[in-house]
Amino acid sequence: MSLPRQAVVEQGAAPTLSALAFFFVMTSYYIMRPVRDQLIGAVGSESLPLFYIAVFVVMLLLTPVFGLLVARFPRKRLLGWSYSFFILCLLAFVPAFVEQDRLGARALGVVFYVWGSVFNLFVVSLFWSFMADIFSSGEARRVFSLIALGGMAGAIFGPLVTKLLVQLIGVAPLLLVSAVALALALVLLLRLSAQHERRPDSRGDEVIGGSLWAGVKELWSRPFLRYMALLMLFGDGIGTLAYALVADYAKAHLADAVARTSFYNDLDLATNLLGAALQLSVTPWLLVRRGAGWGLVVPSLVNLALLAGVALIGGGSVLFFGYSVPLLAVMLVITRGFAYGMTKPAVDALYTRVPRETRYKGKNFVETAVWRFGDVVVTSAVSGLRLLGWGIGGLALLGAGVAVLATMVARRAGWSPDLAPDEHARIRADEASSI
């Protein structure tokens, strides 16, 4: 008698290979990320609305392009072409960063920030769409924390590599190292896709088809996607508030590209250490024992507590990795740590319970266009409120109100009526009915 599908997957190499692939994806991303963020630190938060508007426009233009690729090409070709394109782009940006001082941080920053957001669409988000395609709901709750932990290891390793190399080789050559890591991830993902296609229940070689605008249409027709979009906007509001204020600190206190890259690198390292600790302890227990919905609710409650504390105490400064930084930078580390270490595995586990077209098109639309729309709204609102005289305490109090709304939406999203039944819940129900 053959083993059940879940036993075959968990006893096989797929979870381990997936974790290793995500390790290289996040290593690549977190080597590239401080290179991008030092450009933000060079110009300050007043330029963030310009950056985010450009990203949002590009995301809207790319939505039908991504829908076309998903509708026309099977999974393996979609992965191969997307990752190969970004490997070549990383190599092409090296000469531009060699000439950063001549080109100017603002001009290069707009181009590279937009490109980095497209990177997120076709690399990071596509990775998790692929994971939701090859694992079932029950498998996802068991192995997604392991896979996310592999990514978190890469998110820690990437900043460590950057911290070691940036003083030795400078900023531009870091992109070469990022390209190598992404190429290794592609090799592993293609191997995973080939292994999955050999399984009798695989649909990986099938073209998903459907409408080019399916991601946009499903946002209005599918309650789960609406909840995900709202949760994305609320979470983005909290994170972008802290990010904008930290950008002002970097502009005021860090004069050169190397210092800013090291500073943002240290923030990323602290964030990812926290995320890894969560994935090794609380998150697996919570997802398996209590369900993926609680992985959305708990981080929202943590954000609420943090923002309420900042509203009462104020911004101030603390010693953080050898730097005197605003207290909101510490809040940024904690909120991001919970987002990566708990919210993300829970969200991706829930996406295993929607149709394939939703996993690719709907998910990517929420995680790119909706996310970047939130960036535009939040940064513009923060700039406007600061011109009206709002300080850190008032902004944090407003953020606490947003965290209350996020908690309510998270509760609805985790138990949305249009999600397919969870495998473990169905098994428990069957066992109860047989007694």
Protein backbone atom coordinates (compact mmCIF):
# COMPACT_ATOMS: atom_id res chain seq x y z
CA MET A 1 0.00 0.00 0.00
CA SER A 2 1.41 3.40 -0.96
CA LEU A 3 2.07 6.06 1.62
CA PRO A 4 -0.36 9.01 1.93
CA ARG A 5 0.62 12.13 0.02
CA GLN A 6 1.51 14.04 3.18
CA ALA A 7 3.82 11.27 4.39
CA VAL A 8 5.52 11.09 1.00
CA VAL A 9 6.22 14.84 0.97
CA GLU A 10 7.40 15.12 4.56
CA GLN A 11 9.65 12.06 4.31
CA GLY A 12 11.08 13.22 1.01
CA ALA A 13 13.50 15.96 0.16
CA ALA A 14 11.00 18.63 -0.93
CA PRO A 15 10.80 20.58 2.37
CA THR A 16 14.57 20.58 2.80
CA LEU A 17 15.24 21.62 -0.80
CA SER A 18 12.58 24.32 -0.50
CA ALA A 19 14.16 25.67 2.69
CA LEU A 20 17.60 25.70 1.02
CA ALA A 21 16.21 27.45 -2.08
CA PHE A 22 14.57 30.10 0.09
CA PHE A 23 17.84 30.49 1.98
CA PHE A 24 19.53 31.54 -1.25
CA VAL A 25 16.58 33.74 -2.34
CA MET A 26 16.70 35.69 0.91
CA THR A 27 20.49 35.80 0.96
CA SER A 28 20.33 37.45 -2.45
CA TYR A 29 17.58 39.84 -1.37
CA TYR A 30 19.23 40.88 1.89
CA ILE A 31 22.53 41.58 0.21
CA MET A 32 20.70 43.78 -2.30
CA ARG A 33 18.35 45.40 0.25
CA PRO A 34 20.80 47.55 2.26
CA VAL A 35 22.29 48.68 -1.06
CA ARG A 36 18.82 49.96 -1.92
CA ASP A 37 18.06 51.39 1.52
CA GLN A 38 21.26 53.43 1.71
CA LEU A 39 19.89 55.40 -1.23
CA ILE A 40 16.76 56.17 0.81
CA GLY A 41 18.96 57.21 3.72
CA ALA A 42 20.85 59.56 1.40
CA VAL A 43 17.75 61.56 0.45
CA GLY A 44 15.53 61.20 3.56
CA SER A 45 11.82 60.54 4.00
CA GLU A 46 10.69 63.57 1.95
CA SER A 47 11.56 61.61 -1.20
CA LEU A 48 9.69 58.45 -0.16
CA PRO A 49 6.35 59.52 -1.72
CA LEU A 50 8.14 60.01 -5.07
CA PHE A 51 9.75 56.58 -4.81
CA TYR A 52 6.50 54.88 -3.82
CA ILE A 53 4.39 56.61 -6.48
CA ALA A 54 6.84 55.41 -9.13
CA VAL A 55 6.71 51.87 -7.73
CA PHE A 56 2.91 51.88 -7.56
CA VAL A 57 2.57 53.00 -11.20
CA VAL A 58 5.01 50.32 -12.34
CA MET A 59 3.17 47.67 -10.30
CA LEU A 60 -0.13 48.57 -11.97
CA LEU A 61 1.50 48.37 -15.40
CA LEU A 62 3.07 45.00 -14.58
CA THR A 63 -0.12 43.40 -13.22
CA PRO A 64 -1.43 42.40 -16.69
CA VAL A 65 2.11 41.44 -17.77
CA PHE A 66 2.45 39.04 -14.86
CA GLY A 67 -1.08 37.76 -15.52
CA LEU A 68 -0.11 37.12 -19.14
CA LEU A 69 2.98 35.13 -18.12
CA VAL A 70 1.03 33.05 -15.62
CA ALA A 71 -1.80 32.46 -18.08
CA ARG A 72 0.44 31.44 -21.00
CA PHE A 73 3.41 29.56 -19.55
CA PRO A 74 3.83 26.51 -17.30
CA ARG A 75 5.39 26.89 -13.87
CA LYS A 76 8.95 25.81 -14.74
CA ARG A 77 9.33 28.30 -17.58
CA LEU A 78 7.80 31.08 -15.47
CA LEU A 79 10.34 30.43 -12.71
CA GLY A 80 13.29 30.06 -15.06
CA TRP A 81 12.67 33.17 -17.13
CA SER A 82 11.78 35.40 -14.16
CA TYR A 83 14.80 34.49 -12.04
CA SER A 84 17.20 34.61 -14.99
CA PHE A 85 16.02 38.11 -15.89
CA PHE A 86 16.76 39.40 -12.40
CA ILE A 87 20.15 37.75 -12.27
CA LEU A 88 21.08 39.66 -15.42
CA CYS A 89 19.65 42.88 -13.96
CA LEU A 90 21.77 42.56 -10.82
CA LEU A 91 24.87 42.29 -13.00
CA ALA A 92 23.78 45.26 -15.09
CA PHE A 93 23.37 47.52 -12.03
CA VAL A 94 27.01 47.08 -10.95
CA PRO A 95 28.40 49.84 -13.23
CA ALA A 96 25.60 52.21 -12.12
CA PHE A 97 26.56 51.87 -8.45
CA VAL A 98 30.21 52.38 -9.31
CA GLU A 99 29.08 55.78 -10.63
CA GLN A 100 26.57 56.49 -7.79
CA ASP A 101 28.11 59.84 -6.82
CA ARG A 102 28.02 61.06 -10.42
CA LEU A 103 24.49 59.80 -11.14
CA GLY A 104 23.06 61.07 -7.84
CA ALA A 105 21.31 59.13 -5.07
CA ARG A 106 17.85 60.42 -6.00
CA ALA A 107 17.96 59.43 -9.69
CA LEU A 108 19.62 56.07 -9.07
CA GLY A 109 17.39 55.53 -6.03
CA VAL A 110 14.14 55.87 -7.99
CA VAL A 111 15.29 53.39 -10.63
CA PHE A 112 16.76 50.86 -8.22
CA TYR A 113 13.88 51.11 -5.73
CA VAL A 114 11.35 50.46 -8.50
CA TRP A 115 13.44 47.56 -9.74
CA GLY A 116 13.75 46.17 -6.21
CA SER A 117 9.96 46.18 -5.87
CA VAL A 118 9.59 44.32 -9.16
CA PHE A 119 12.22 41.91 -7.78
CA ASN A 120 9.81 41.27 -4.91
CA LEU A 121 6.98 40.50 -7.34
CA PHE A 122 8.84 38.06 -9.57
CA VAL A 123 11.24 36.49 -7.05
CA VAL A 124 10.07 36.49 -3.42
CA SER A 125 6.31 36.45 -4.02
CA LEU A 126 6.60 33.97 -6.90
CA PHE A 127 8.58 31.65 -4.63
CA TRP A 128 5.70 31.42 -2.16
CA SER A 129 3.12 31.03 -4.92
CA PHE A 130 5.19 28.06 -6.06
CA MET A 131 5.31 26.67 -2.50
CA ALA A 132 1.52 26.96 -2.19
CA ASP A 133 1.27 25.06 -5.47
CA ILE A 134 3.36 22.03 -4.46
CA PHE A 135 2.23 21.61 -0.84
CA SER A 136 -1.27 20.97 0.48
CA SER A 137 -2.86 22.86 3.39
CA GLY A 138 -1.92 20.22 5.96
CA GLU A 139 1.62 19.96 4.64
CA ALA A 140 1.97 23.74 4.61
CA ARG A 141 1.14 24.05 8.28
CA ARG A 142 3.81 21.48 9.07
CA VAL A 143 6.63 22.52 6.72
CA PHE A 144 6.16 26.23 5.93
CA SER A 145 7.77 27.26 9.21
CA LEU A 146 10.79 25.12 8.25
CA ILE A 147 10.91 26.71 4.80
CA ALA A 148 10.47 30.20 6.25
CA LEU A 149 13.24 29.40 8.72
CA GLY A 150 15.52 28.58 5.79
CA GLY A 151 14.69 31.99 4.36
CA MET A 152 15.28 33.61 7.73
CA ALA A 153 18.70 31.95 7.87
CA GLY A 154 19.42 33.53 4.50
CA ALA A 155 18.08 36.84 5.78
CA ILE A 156 20.62 36.62 8.63
CA PHE A 157 23.44 35.29 6.46
CA GLY A 158 22.94 38.00 3.82
CA PRO A 159 23.47 40.92 6.25
CA LEU A 160 26.47 39.14 7.78
CA VAL A 161 28.03 38.74 4.33
CA THR A 162 27.24 42.37 3.57
CA LYS A 163 28.73 43.56 6.86
CA LEU A 164 31.92 41.60 6.14
CA LEU A 165 32.29 42.57 2.48
CA VAL A 166 31.04 46.16 2.25
CA GLN A 167 34.14 47.51 4.02
CA LEU A 168 36.40 45.37 1.84
CA ILE A 169 34.92 45.63 -1.65
CA GLY A 170 32.47 48.54 -1.43
CA VAL A 171 28.78 48.74 -2.39
CA ALA A 172 28.66 47.92 -6.13
CA PRO A 173 30.38 44.48 -6.05
CA LEU A 174 27.83 43.27 -3.50
CA LEU A 175 25.37 42.95 -6.38
CA LEU A 176 27.60 40.29 -7.96
CA VAL A 177 27.38 38.23 -4.78
CA SER A 178 23.59 38.70 -4.75
CA ALA A 179 23.37 37.43 -8.35
CA VAL A 180 25.31 34.25 -7.49
CA ALA A 181 22.97 33.48 -4.58
CA LEU A 182 19.90 33.99 -6.78
CA ALA A 183 21.33 31.65 -9.44
CA LEU A 184 21.77 28.90 -6.82
CA ALA A 185 18.14 29.39 -5.73
CA LEU A 186 16.96 29.00 -9.34
CA VAL A 187 18.82 25.70 -9.74
CA LEU A 188 17.11 24.28 -6.64
CA LEU A 189 13.65 25.54 -7.63
CA LEU A 190 13.89 23.99 -11.09
CA ARG A 191 14.89 20.70 -9.47
CA LEU A 192 11.90 20.91 -7.10
CA SER A 193 9.55 21.63 -9.99
CA ALA A 194 10.89 18.66 -11.96
CA GLN A 195 10.48 16.34 -8.97
CA HIS A 196 6.94 17.54 -8.34
CA GLU A 197 5.93 17.08 -11.99
CA ARG A 198 6.85 13.39 -11.76
CA ARG A 199 4.20 12.83 -9.10
CA PRO A 200 0.89 11.42 -10.36
CA ASP A 201 -1.20 14.21 -8.79
CA SER A 202 1.00 17.04 -10.09
CA ARG A 203 -0.40 19.83 -12.22
CA GLY A 204 2.87 21.72 -12.51
CA ASP A 205 3.23 21.25 -16.28
CA GLU A 206 -0.27 22.62 -16.87
CA VAL A 207 -0.74 26.21 -17.95
CA ILE A 208 -2.88 27.99 -15.33
CA GLY A 209 -4.70 30.05 -17.97
CA GLY A 210 -7.47 32.45 -17.04
CA SER A 211 -7.77 36.20 -17.39
CA LEU A 212 -4.84 38.62 -17.41
CA TRP A 213 -6.69 40.74 -14.85
CA ALA A 214 -7.83 37.86 -12.65
CA GLY A 215 -5.82 39.14 -9.67
CA VAL A 216 -7.67 42.47 -9.77
CA LYS A 217 -11.09 40.90 -10.34
CA GLU A 218 -10.71 38.39 -7.53
CA LEU A 219 -9.91 41.17 -5.06
CA TRP A 220 -13.55 42.28 -5.37
CA SER A 221 -15.15 38.84 -5.63
CA ARG A 222 -13.24 36.79 -3.05
CA PRO A 223 -13.65 37.76 0.65
CA PHE A 224 -10.31 36.21 1.66
CA LEU A 225 -8.39 38.40 -0.81
CA ARG A 226 -10.23 41.50 0.42
CA TYR A 227 -9.20 40.70 3.99
CA MET A 228 -5.62 40.09 2.83
CA ALA A 229 -5.59 43.44 1.03
CA LEU A 230 -6.86 45.30 4.11
CA LEU A 231 -4.38 43.49 6.34
CA MET A 232 -1.59 44.39 3.93
CA LEU A 233 -2.60 48.07 4.03
CA PHE A 234 -2.84 48.20 7.83
CA GLY A 235 0.43 46.36 8.36
CA ASP A 236 2.13 48.55 5.77
CA GLY A 237 0.87 51.65 7.56
CA ILE A 238 2.58 50.63 10.78
CA GLY A 239 5.83 49.51 9.15
CA THR A 240 6.14 52.47 6.78
CA LEU A 241 5.63 54.96 9.61
CA ALA A 242 8.68 53.59 11.40
CA TYR A 243 10.62 53.23 8.13
CA ALA A 244 10.09 56.89 7.20
CA LEU A 245 11.28 58.16 10.58
CA VAL A 246 14.34 55.93 10.49
CA ALA A 247 15.15 57.30 7.02
CA ASP A 248 15.20 60.81 8.49
CA TYR A 249 17.59 59.63 11.20
CA ALA A 250 19.92 58.06 8.62
CA LYS A 251 19.96 61.24 6.53
CA ALA A 252 20.79 63.39 9.56
CA HIS A 253 23.44 61.19 11.20
CA LEU A 254 25.07 59.00 8.50
CA ALA A 255 27.04 60.87 5.88
CA ASP A 256 28.25 58.26 3.35
CA ALA A 257 26.93 55.23 1.47
CA VAL A 258 29.06 52.69 3.37
CA ALA A 259 27.88 53.93 6.79
CA ARG A 260 24.23 53.94 5.72
CA THR A 261 24.53 50.46 4.20
CA SER A 262 26.05 49.14 7.44
CA PHE A 263 23.32 50.81 9.53
CA TYR A 264 20.43 49.34 7.53
CA ASN A 265 22.24 46.04 7.42
CA ASP A 266 22.34 45.95 11.26
CA LEU A 267 18.61 46.66 11.44
CA ASP A 268 17.95 43.80 9.03
CA LEU A 269 20.18 41.47 11.04
CA ALA A 270 18.36 42.21 14.31
CA THR A 271 14.98 41.80 12.60
CA ASN A 272 15.88 38.45 11.14
CA LEU A 273 17.36 37.09 14.36
CA LEU A 274 14.03 37.80 16.02
CA GLY A 275 12.14 36.20 13.13
CA ALA A 276 14.31 33.09 13.32
CA ALA A 277 13.71 32.80 17.06
CA LEU A 278 9.95 32.92 16.47
CA GLN A 279 10.12 30.28 13.73
CA LEU A 280 12.10 27.97 16.00
CA SER A 281 9.71 28.31 18.91
CA VAL A 282 6.24 29.86 18.88
CA THR A 283 5.24 29.85 15.20
CA PRO A 284 5.34 26.07 14.46
CA TRP A 285 3.38 25.31 17.63
CA LEU A 286 0.83 28.03 16.88
CA LEU A 287 0.20 27.03 13.26
CA VAL A 288 -0.07 23.29 13.92
CA ARG A 289 -1.98 23.38 17.21
CA ARG A 290 -4.13 26.49 16.87
CA GLY A 291 -4.35 27.08 13.11
CA ALA A 292 -2.90 29.56 10.64
CA GLY A 293 -5.46 32.23 11.52
CA TRP A 294 -3.81 32.82 14.88
CA GLY A 295 -0.56 33.55 13.04
CA LEU A 296 -2.28 36.70 11.78
CA VAL A 297 -3.95 37.75 15.02
CA VAL A 298 -0.97 37.52 17.41
CA PRO A 299 1.36 39.89 15.44
CA SER A 300 -1.44 42.45 15.21
CA LEU A 301 -1.79 42.39 19.00
CA VAL A 302 2.00 42.79 19.37
CA ASN A 303 1.90 45.84 17.08
CA LEU A 304 -0.92 47.32 19.13
CA ALA A 305 1.08 46.94 22.35
CA LEU A 306 4.23 48.45 20.80
CA LEU A 307 2.47 51.47 19.35
CA ALA A 308 0.58 52.14 22.55
CA GLY A 309 3.91 52.05 24.40
CA VAL A 310 5.55 54.49 21.97
CA ALA A 311 2.53 56.80 22.22
CA LEU A 312 2.96 56.90 26.01
CA ILE A 313 6.78 57.03 26.18
CA GLY A 314 7.62 58.97 23.03
CA GLY A 315 10.41 58.47 20.48
CA GLY A 316 13.65 59.03 22.32
CA SER A 317 16.85 57.21 21.47
CA VAL A 318 18.36 53.91 22.53
CA LEU A 319 21.71 52.22 21.99
CA PHE A 320 21.14 49.74 19.16
CA PHE A 321 24.04 47.77 17.63
CA GLY A 322 26.41 50.55 18.61
CA TYR A 323 24.22 53.34 17.18
CA SER A 324 22.04 55.85 18.95
CA VAL A 325 18.75 55.44 17.09
CA PRO A 326 15.12 56.48 17.63
CA LEU A 327 12.98 54.14 19.67
CA LEU A 328 10.83 53.70 16.55
CA ALA A 329 13.76 51.87 14.95
CA VAL A 330 13.45 49.27 17.71
CA MET A 331 9.72 49.10 17.02
CA LEU A 332 10.55 48.59 13.34
CA VAL A 333 12.74 45.60 14.23
CA ILE A 334 10.04 43.98 16.40
CA THR A 335 7.14 44.57 14.01
CA ARG A 336 9.15 43.27 11.05
CA GLY A 337 10.43 40.32 13.08
CA PHE A 338 6.87 39.19 13.82
CA ALA A 339 5.81 39.88 10.21
CA TYR A 340 8.56 37.64 8.82
CA GLY A 341 8.65 35.11 11.64
CA MET A 342 4.93 34.54 12.14
CA THR A 343 2.60 36.45 9.80
CA LYS A 344 4.28 35.38 6.55
CA PRO A 345 4.22 31.59 7.18
CA ALA A 346 0.59 31.88 8.32
CA VAL A 347 -0.47 33.86 5.24
CA ASP A 348 1.23 31.47 2.83
CA ALA A 349 -0.33 28.47 4.60
CA LEU A 350 -3.77 30.01 4.09
CA TYR A 351 -3.09 30.50 0.36
CA THR A 352 -2.89 26.72 -0.05
CA ARG A 353 -6.66 26.72 0.52
CA VAL A 354 -7.53 28.83 -2.55
CA PRO A 355 -7.54 27.94 -6.30
CA ARG A 356 -4.25 27.92 -8.27
CA GLU A 357 -5.09 31.09 -10.21
CA THR A 358 -5.66 32.92 -6.91
CA ARG A 359 -2.34 31.63 -5.53
CA TYR A 360 -0.42 33.24 -8.37
CA LYS A 361 -2.41 36.18 -9.71
CA GLY A 362 -4.50 37.26 -6.72
CA LYS A 363 -1.73 36.74 -4.20
CA ASN A 364 0.83 38.64 -6.26
CA PHE A 365 -1.55 41.54 -6.88
CA VAL A 366 -2.18 41.93 -3.14
CA GLU A 367 1.49 41.61 -2.26
CA THR A 368 2.70 44.11 -4.87
CA ALA A 369 0.18 46.64 -6.23
CA VAL A 370 -1.91 46.83 -3.03
CA TRP A 371 1.22 46.94 -0.89
CA ARG A 372 2.74 49.78 -2.93
CA PHE A 373 -0.55 51.69 -2.94
CA GLY A 374 -0.35 51.53 0.85
CA ASP A 375 3.20 52.91 0.71
CA VAL A 376 2.03 55.94 -1.30
CA VAL A 377 -0.92 56.65 1.01
CA VAL A 378 1.02 56.17 4.24
CA THR A 379 4.13 58.18 3.32
CA SER A 380 1.99 61.02 1.94
CA ALA A 381 -0.16 60.99 5.09
CA VAL A 382 2.88 60.97 7.39
CA SER A 383 4.44 63.89 5.49
CA GLY A 384 1.17 65.82 5.67
CA LEU A 385 0.61 65.17 9.37
CA ARG A 386 4.17 66.18 10.21
CA LEU A 387 3.67 69.46 8.33
CA LEU A 388 0.61 70.01 10.53
CA GLY A 389 2.76 69.59 13.61
CA TRP A 390 2.07 65.97 14.56
CA GLY A 391 4.87 64.45 16.60
CA ILE A 392 5.94 60.87 17.25
CA GLY A 393 3.43 60.40 20.08
CA GLY A 394 0.45 61.47 17.98
CA LEU A 395 1.52 59.36 15.01
CA ALA A 396 2.04 56.33 17.27
CA LEU A 397 -1.42 56.80 18.77
CA LEU A 398 -2.89 56.89 15.27
CA GLY A 399 -0.89 53.75 14.46
CA ALA A 400 -2.35 52.05 17.54
CA GLY A 401 -5.83 52.70 16.16
CA VAL A 402 -4.75 51.12 12.86
CA ALA A 403 -3.44 48.10 14.81
CA VAL A 404 -6.88 47.64 16.39
CA LEU A 405 -8.45 47.51 12.92
CA ALA A 406 -5.73 45.12 11.76
CA THR A 407 -6.52 42.74 14.62
CA MET A 408 -10.21 42.69 13.67
CA VAL A 409 -9.45 42.03 10.00
CA ALA A 410 -6.87 39.35 10.88
CA ARG A 411 -9.53 37.47 12.84
CA ARG A 412 -11.85 37.49 9.82
CA ALA A 413 -9.14 36.60 7.29
CA GLY A 414 -7.96 33.50 9.15
CA TRP A 415 -11.48 32.05 9.14
CA SER A 416 -12.78 33.46 5.86
CA PRO A 417 -15.81 31.49 4.54
CA ASP A 418 -14.39 31.11 1.01
CA LEU A 419 -11.28 29.19 2.16
CA ALA A 420 -11.28 25.47 1.38
CA PRO A 421 -11.65 23.28 4.48
CA ASP A 422 -8.41 22.77 6.35
CA GLU A 423 -7.11 19.19 6.13
CA HIS A 424 -6.50 18.82 9.84
CA ALA A 425 -9.91 20.26 10.72
CA ARG A 426 -11.55 17.87 8.26
CA ILE A 427 -9.66 14.90 9.72
CA ARG A 428 -10.70 15.86 13.25
CA ALA A 429 -14.31 16.22 12.13
CA ASP A 430 -14.23 12.79 10.48
CA GLU A 431 -12.77 11.25 13.61
CA ALA A 432 -15.42 12.88 15.79
CA SER A 433 -18.25 11.68 13.54
CA SER A 434 -16.97 8.11 13.64
CA ILE A 435 -17.07 7.91 17.44
